[in-house]
Protein backbone atom coordinates (compact mmCIF):
# COMPACT_ATOMS: atom_id res chain seq x y z
CA UNK A 1 -10.35 6.51 9.89
CA UNK A 2 -11.94 3.38 11.33
CA UNK A 3 -9.59 0.38 11.42
CA UNK A 4 -10.87 -2.65 13.27
CA UNK A 5 -12.05 -1.64 16.72
CA UNK A 6 -10.16 1.67 16.73
CA UNK A 7 -10.95 5.07 15.22
CA UNK A 8 -8.01 7.34 14.37
CA UNK A 9 -9.02 11.01 14.18
CA UNK A 10 -5.99 13.18 15.01
CA UNK A 11 -2.22 13.00 15.32
CA UNK A 12 -2.66 12.28 19.04
CA UNK A 13 -4.20 8.94 18.13
CA UNK A 14 -1.01 7.86 16.35
CA UNK A 15 2.43 6.97 17.74
CA UNK A 16 5.50 9.07 17.04
CA UNK A 17 7.60 5.97 16.32
CA UNK A 18 6.64 2.72 14.62
CA UNK A 19 8.30 -0.53 13.59
CA UNK A 20 8.68 -0.66 9.81
CA UNK A 21 8.38 -3.59 7.43
CA UNK A 22 10.36 -2.89 4.23
CA UNK A 23 8.86 -4.88 1.36
CA UNK A 24 9.52 -4.15 -2.31
CA UNK A 25 6.45 -3.90 -4.53
CA UNK A 26 4.03 -3.86 -1.60
CA UNK A 27 1.43 -1.10 -1.60
CA UNK A 28 -0.83 -0.44 1.38
CA UNK A 29 -3.23 2.50 1.19
CA UNK A 30 -5.58 4.04 3.77
CA UNK A 31 -8.66 1.85 4.09
CA UNK A 32 -7.04 -1.02 2.17
CA UNK A 33 -6.44 -4.57 3.37
CA UNK A 34 -3.05 -6.25 2.97
CA UNK A 35 -2.49 -9.95 3.78
CA UNK A 36 1.05 -10.89 4.78
CA UNK A 37 2.83 -14.21 5.26
CA UNK A 38 5.44 -13.50 7.96
CA UNK A 39 8.29 -15.98 8.37
CA UNK A 40 11.55 -14.10 8.98
CA UNK A 41 12.51 -14.24 12.69
CA UNK A 42 12.94 -10.46 12.98
CA UNK A 43 9.45 -9.82 11.64
CA UNK A 44 7.92 -12.59 13.74
CA UNK A 45 9.38 -10.72 16.73
CA UNK A 46 7.97 -7.46 15.37
CA UNK A 47 4.46 -8.96 15.13
CA UNK A 48 4.76 -10.23 18.71
CA UNK A 49 5.73 -6.73 19.83
CA UNK A 50 2.89 -4.89 18.07
CA UNK A 51 0.34 -7.40 19.35
CA UNK A 52 1.40 -6.36 22.86
CA UNK A 53 1.16 -2.69 21.93
CA UNK A 54 -0.81 -0.51 19.53
CA UNK A 55 -0.91 -3.04 16.65
CA UNK A 56 0.50 -0.51 14.15
CA UNK A 57 3.15 -1.41 11.57
CA UNK A 58 4.67 0.90 8.97
CA UNK A 59 4.69 -0.71 5.53
CA UNK A 60 7.36 0.88 3.35
CA UNK A 61 9.37 0.04 0.26
CA UNK A 62 13.15 -0.13 0.13
CA UNK A 63 14.55 2.47 -2.23
CA UNK A 64 14.55 1.02 -5.74
CA UNK A 65 17.17 3.20 -7.44
CA UNK A 66 20.92 2.81 -7.20
CA UNK A 67 23.10 0.15 -5.65
CA UNK A 68 22.33 -1.15 -2.16
CA UNK A 69 25.37 -1.16 0.13
CA UNK A 70 23.70 -3.35 2.77
CA UNK A 71 21.06 -5.79 1.43
CA UNK A 72 19.98 -6.58 5.00
CA UNK A 73 19.31 -2.91 5.71
CA UNK A 74 18.44 -1.11 2.48
CA UNK A 75 17.70 2.59 2.38
CA UNK A 76 13.98 3.29 2.77
CA UNK A 77 11.63 5.28 0.59
CA UNK A 78 10.54 8.57 2.13
CA UNK A 79 6.83 7.68 2.37
CA UNK A 80 5.05 4.59 3.68
CA UNK A 81 1.65 3.68 5.11
CA UNK A 82 0.61 2.73 8.63
CA UNK A 83 -1.40 -0.46 8.94
CA UNK A 84 -3.29 -1.78 11.96
CA UNK A 85 -2.91 -5.51 12.52
CA UNK A 86 -6.52 -6.57 12.02
CA UNK A 87 -6.24 -10.36 11.93
CA UNK A 88 -3.68 -12.89 13.09
CA UNK A 89 -3.22 -16.64 12.76
CA UNK A 90 -0.39 -19.11 13.42
CA UNK A 91 0.28 -21.82 10.87
CA UNK A 92 1.94 -24.44 13.07
CA UNK A 93 5.17 -24.34 11.05
CA UNK A 94 6.49 -21.11 12.54
CA UNK A 95 4.76 -18.59 10.29
CA UNK A 96 2.20 -15.89 11.05
CA UNK A 97 -0.60 -15.05 8.63
CA UNK A 98 -1.69 -11.49 9.31
CA UNK A 99 -3.79 -8.81 7.67
CA UNK A 100 -3.16 -5.08 7.91
CA UNK A 101 -5.86 -2.42 7.61
CA UNK A 102 -4.42 0.78 6.11
CA UNK A 103 -4.73 3.79 8.44
CA UNK A 104 -2.74 6.68 6.95
CA UNK A 105 0.41 7.43 5.05
CA UNK A 106 3.49 8.75 6.79
CA UNK A 107 6.79 10.40 5.97
CA UNK A 108 9.94 9.05 7.59
CA UNK A 109 11.40 11.78 9.80
CA UNK A 110 14.27 9.69 11.16
CA UNK A 111 15.33 6.07 11.42
CA UNK A 112 16.13 5.25 15.03
CA UNK A 113 19.14 3.40 16.40
CA UNK A 114 17.46 0.48 18.18
CA UNK A 115 18.41 -2.85 19.69
CA UNK A 116 15.45 -4.70 18.18
CA UNK A 117 16.17 -6.89 15.14
CA UNK A 118 13.47 -5.02 13.21
CA UNK A 119 13.81 -1.38 12.19
CA UNK A 120 11.94 1.53 13.77
CA UNK A 121 11.32 5.06 12.54
CA UNK A 122 10.07 8.35 13.87
CA UNK A 123 7.30 9.43 11.52
CA UNK A 124 5.18 12.37 10.43
CA UNK A 125 1.67 11.11 9.56
CA UNK A 126 -0.48 12.43 6.72
CA UNK A 127 -3.34 13.58 8.93
CA UNK A 128 -5.58 14.33 5.94
CA UNK A 129 -5.76 10.56 5.29
CA UNK A 130 -7.76 10.13 8.52
CA UNK A 131 -10.72 11.91 6.90
CA UNK A 132 -12.73 9.06 5.40
CA UNK A 133 -15.82 11.12 4.56
CA UNK A 134 -17.78 9.91 1.50
CA UNK A 135 -17.01 13.16 -0.36
CA UNK A 136 -13.33 12.20 -0.71
CA UNK A 137 -13.88 10.49 -4.08
CA UNK A 138 -16.35 12.93 -5.57
CA UNK A 139 -13.84 14.40 -8.03
CA UNK A 140 -12.62 11.05 -9.39
CA UNK A 141 -13.34 10.43 -13.09
CA UNK A 142 -14.91 7.03 -12.46
CA UNK A 143 -15.98 6.54 -16.08
CA UNK A 144 -12.43 7.02 -17.38
CA UNK A 145 -10.98 4.80 -14.67
CA UNK A 146 -13.37 1.97 -15.55
CA UNK A 147 -12.73 2.42 -19.29
CA UNK A 148 -9.00 1.88 -18.77
CA UNK A 149 -9.65 -0.97 -16.33
CA UNK A 150 -11.82 -2.77 -18.91
CA UNK A 151 -9.17 -2.27 -21.59
CA UNK A 152 -6.51 -3.76 -19.32
CA UNK A 153 -8.69 -6.78 -18.51
CA UNK A 154 -9.47 -7.40 -22.17
CA UNK A 155 -5.82 -7.09 -23.19
CA UNK A 156 -4.82 -9.67 -20.59
CA UNK A 157 -7.83 -12.04 -20.91
CA UNK A 158 -8.92 -11.35 -17.34
CA UNK A 159 -12.32 -11.16 -15.70
CA UNK A 160 -13.69 -8.95 -12.92
CA UNK A 161 -16.57 -9.11 -10.47
CA UNK A 162 -18.45 -6.24 -12.04
CA UNK A 163 -21.22 -6.32 -9.46
CA UNK A 164 -18.68 -5.64 -6.70
CA UNK A 165 -17.10 -2.92 -8.85
CA UNK A 166 -20.49 -1.28 -9.35
CA UNK A 167 -21.17 -1.23 -5.59
CA UNK A 168 -17.75 0.11 -4.60
CA UNK A 169 -17.37 3.78 -3.79
CA UNK A 170 -14.77 5.78 -5.68
CA UNK A 171 -12.31 5.77 -2.79
CA UNK A 172 -12.57 1.99 -2.36
CA UNK A 173 -12.33 1.42 -6.10
CA UNK A 174 -9.29 3.61 -6.69
CA UNK A 175 -7.35 2.26 -3.72
CA UNK A 176 -8.25 -1.37 -4.39
CA UNK A 177 -7.24 -1.15 -8.06
CA UNK A 178 -4.00 0.61 -7.09
CA UNK A 179 -3.09 -2.04 -4.53
CA UNK A 180 -3.94 -4.92 -6.88
CA UNK A 181 -2.17 -3.41 -9.89
CA UNK A 182 0.68 -5.54 -11.27
CA UNK A 183 3.13 -2.65 -11.65
CA UNK A 184 6.65 -2.29 -10.30
CA UNK A 185 8.00 -0.60 -7.17
CA UNK A 186 8.41 2.84 -8.77
CA UNK A 187 4.83 2.87 -10.04
CA UNK A 188 3.52 1.63 -6.68
CA UNK A 189 5.42 4.41 -4.90
CA UNK A 190 3.97 7.00 -7.29
CA UNK A 191 0.47 5.76 -6.47
CA UNK A 192 1.24 5.91 -2.74
CA UNK A 193 2.61 9.45 -2.90
CA UNK A 194 -0.19 10.89 -5.03
CA UNK A 195 -1.44 13.89 -3.02
CA UNK A 196 -5.13 12.96 -3.11
CA UNK A 197 -7.57 10.38 -4.44
CA UNK A 198 -8.20 12.25 -7.70
CA UNK A 199 -4.46 12.42 -8.39
CA UNK A 200 -4.06 8.74 -7.51
CA UNK A 201 -6.80 7.80 -9.98
CA UNK A 202 -5.18 9.94 -12.69
CA UNK A 203 -1.80 8.36 -11.96
CA UNK A 204 -3.26 4.85 -12.16
CA UNK A 205 -4.97 5.68 -15.46
CA UNK A 206 -1.74 7.09 -16.92
CA UNK A 207 0.37 4.10 -15.79
CA UNK A 208 -2.18 1.64 -17.18
CA UNK A 209 -2.42 3.45 -20.51
CA UNK A 210 1.38 3.39 -20.82
CA UNK A 211 1.39 -0.34 -20.04
CA UNK A 212 -1.28 -0.97 -22.68
CA UNK A 213 0.60 1.07 -25.26
CA UNK A 214 3.83 -0.78 -24.49
CA UNK A 215 2.07 -4.15 -24.78
CA UNK A 216 0.54 -3.15 -28.13
CA UNK A 217 3.94 -2.01 -29.38
CA UNK A 218 5.53 -5.30 -28.29
CA UNK A 219 2.76 -7.24 -30.03
CA UNK A 220 3.29 -5.26 -33.22
CA UNK A 221 7.01 -5.98 -33.19
CA UNK A 222 6.31 -9.69 -32.62
CA UNK A 223 3.96 -9.85 -35.63
CA UNK A 224 6.40 -8.10 -37.97
């Protein structure tokens, strides 16, 4: 996996522990780009730290089921995605504007007891994500994915840059549509945890079809 100026090929290229950024509804996938507006002091300190080190941050969602005993330190989902800090800018009012390039997913092995204001975890990376060969998306049903995508756009009066869609490879298309999808935390986590690209595309199609069916049902009830 090429991310910025670095190529990640094996587990030895990745750290055993990473700072984590819990953010509900945020989905970063391998090869994807995620812009972030960082303003909380603990995460400003985290960005400073990773800029001095390996530039890797673990994006992860807080658990979205059940009551949260400590809103400042919610339980974490089991799976997140490593991102390499690929761009950085200061705003002049105390914020950082950064962009993360997705490297690979990881499973949380253990949250560490640390003195830093930001949280850190020992992780087990999904090494298969480092294989970015062009054959990865060969089994994706591109025609079905685009059919559902068109239906969603039409239902919501939206437009797309179809020339860019046509040029995109299946892996880029599936991951970009997953990251941009307007679905909730549970759906985003399902897309993240899909075992492979084909499964992720099938999951995205199923979620979108359910959303379209629900919208049609709501419209029918409104017109009654």
